[in-house]
Amino acid sequence: QVQLVESGGGLVQAGDSLRLSCVRSGQPYSPVIMGWFRQAPGSEREFLGASRGSGGTTYYKDSAKDRFTISQDASKNTIDLQIENLRPEDTAVYYCASNPSGDYRLSRTYQFWGQGTQVTVSS
């Protein structure tokens, strides 16, 4: 059974940068698609980006391309999300997910999820 554990969230100030990490365990590394989503209170879970394996193709939501960077490390079986120039509207719980059975942009297609890590951005 695949397990995903996110880390790196916290309380930051607007303009700061933050790096979230997600460790995938339960299976040896393989170039599966892994994605990052976020969910703010009262909102639906929002796709940010996804990548297929370390050094593989990376996909971003258009609005995330300028400040969000996804990277995978095969040696650690991790996927990271670097966020630059954080804004108060980035406040949300950030989730990583793995093994989509369909469209990687849709949260409902992912088989495995982490518990999420809270990011709070103060103005």
Protein backbone atom coordinates (compact mmCIF):
# COMPACT_ATOMS: atom_id res chain seq x y z
CA GLN A 1 0.00 0.00 0.00
CA VAL A 2 1.40 3.38 -1.03
CA GLN A 3 1.70 5.98 1.70
CA LEU A 4 2.35 9.67 1.16
CA VAL A 5 3.52 12.05 3.88
CA GLU A 6 3.81 15.79 3.32
CA SER A 7 5.97 18.16 5.32
CA GLY A 8 7.26 21.71 5.20
CA GLY A 9 4.12 23.72 5.84
CA GLY A 10 3.83 26.46 8.42
CA LEU A 11 3.13 30.10 9.07
CA VAL A 12 5.01 32.44 6.73
CA GLN A 13 4.83 36.07 5.68
CA ALA A 14 3.75 37.39 2.32
CA GLY A 15 6.69 37.45 -0.05
CA ASP A 16 8.44 34.49 1.58
CA SER A 17 9.30 31.26 -0.20
CA LEU A 18 8.46 27.78 0.99
CA ARG A 19 9.40 24.26 -0.04
CA LEU A 20 6.99 21.45 0.65
CA SER A 21 8.07 17.85 0.43
CA CYS A 22 6.16 14.60 0.03
CA VAL A 23 7.69 11.21 0.70
CA ARG A 24 6.21 8.21 -1.09
CA SER A 25 6.64 4.82 0.58
CA GLY A 26 5.22 1.33 0.29
CA GLN A 27 6.49 0.72 -3.22
CA PRO A 28 9.90 1.04 -4.82
CA TYR A 29 10.42 4.14 -6.87
CA SER A 30 8.74 4.11 -10.25
CA PRO A 31 8.02 6.97 -12.65
CA VAL A 32 4.35 7.30 -11.77
CA ILE A 33 2.53 10.60 -11.98
CA MET A 34 2.46 12.48 -8.71
CA GLY A 35 0.59 15.70 -8.20
CA TRP A 36 0.19 18.63 -5.83
CA PHE A 37 -3.16 20.06 -4.87
CA ARG A 38 -4.35 22.58 -2.33
CA GLN A 39 -7.62 23.24 -0.60
CA ALA A 40 -8.61 26.47 1.11
CA PRO A 41 -11.51 26.59 3.58
CA GLY A 42 -14.82 26.50 1.75
CA SER A 43 -13.18 25.78 -1.59
CA GLU A 44 -12.73 22.74 -3.78
CA ARG A 45 -9.42 20.97 -4.00
CA GLU A 46 -7.34 22.77 -6.61
CA PHE A 47 -4.81 21.20 -8.95
CA LEU A 48 -1.41 22.93 -8.94
CA GLY A 49 0.82 20.65 -10.95
CA ALA A 50 2.07 17.13 -11.50
CA SER A 51 5.13 15.34 -12.74
CA ARG A 52 5.95 11.92 -14.12
CA GLY A 53 9.08 10.62 -12.45
CA SER A 54 12.38 12.22 -11.66
CA GLY A 55 13.39 14.34 -14.61
CA GLY A 56 10.18 13.53 -16.39
CA THR A 57 7.54 15.81 -17.84
CA THR A 58 6.03 18.34 -15.46
CA TYR A 59 2.58 19.85 -15.89
CA TYR A 60 1.29 22.99 -14.21
CA LYS A 61 -1.98 24.76 -13.86
CA ASP A 62 -1.59 27.90 -15.94
CA SER A 63 -1.95 30.22 -12.96
CA ALA A 64 0.73 28.29 -11.04
CA LYS A 65 3.48 28.37 -13.66
CA ASP A 66 5.14 31.58 -12.50
CA ARG A 67 5.53 30.86 -8.76
CA PHE A 68 5.31 27.07 -8.33
CA THR A 69 8.00 24.53 -9.19
CA ILE A 70 7.64 20.77 -8.87
CA SER A 71 10.56 18.38 -8.73
CA GLN A 72 10.95 14.69 -8.03
CA ASP A 73 13.94 12.92 -6.52
CA ALA A 74 14.08 9.25 -7.44
CA SER A 75 16.76 8.48 -4.85
CA LYS A 76 14.54 9.71 -2.04
CA ASN A 77 11.19 8.81 -3.64
CA THR A 78 10.00 12.35 -2.98
CA ILE A 79 8.17 15.08 -4.81
CA ASP A 80 8.71 18.67 -3.77
CA LEU A 81 6.74 21.84 -4.36
CA GLN A 82 8.65 25.11 -4.25
CA ILE A 83 6.47 28.20 -3.86
CA GLU A 84 7.89 31.65 -4.43
CA ASN A 85 6.55 35.04 -3.38
CA LEU A 86 3.79 33.64 -1.18
CA ARG A 87 0.54 35.55 -0.94
CA PRO A 88 -2.23 35.44 1.68
CA GLU A 89 -4.48 33.77 -0.91
CA ASP A 90 -2.03 30.84 -0.99
CA THR A 91 -3.23 29.93 2.49
CA ALA A 92 -4.53 26.37 2.25
CA VAL A 93 -3.85 22.76 3.09
CA TYR A 94 -1.45 21.37 0.50
CA TYR A 95 -1.72 17.74 -0.54
CA CYS A 96 0.36 15.42 -2.64
CA ALA A 97 -1.25 12.58 -4.51
CA SER A 98 -0.11 9.62 -6.55
CA ASN A 99 -1.20 7.21 -9.27
CA PRO A 100 -4.02 8.93 -11.13
CA SER A 101 -6.22 6.52 -13.04
CA GLY A 102 -7.31 9.21 -15.47
CA ASP A 103 -6.87 12.92 -16.01
CA TYR A 104 -4.02 13.99 -13.69
CA ARG A 105 -5.66 17.40 -13.24
CA LEU A 106 -8.68 15.90 -11.51
CA SER A 107 -8.40 15.06 -7.81
CA ARG A 108 -10.97 12.27 -8.05
CA THR A 109 -8.70 10.20 -10.30
CA TYR A 110 -5.86 9.87 -7.79
CA GLN A 111 -5.59 6.63 -5.85
CA PHE A 112 -3.37 7.72 -2.99
CA TRP A 113 -3.26 10.90 -0.90
CA GLY A 114 -1.20 12.34 1.88
CA GLN A 115 -2.73 13.86 5.00
CA GLY A 116 -1.87 17.38 3.88
CA THR A 117 0.29 20.13 5.31
CA GLN A 118 -1.09 23.53 6.32
CA VAL A 119 0.39 26.66 4.79
CA THR A 120 -0.71 29.96 6.28
CA VAL A 121 0.48 33.22 4.76
CA SER A 122 0.16 36.39 6.80
CA SER A 123 0.02 39.80 5.16
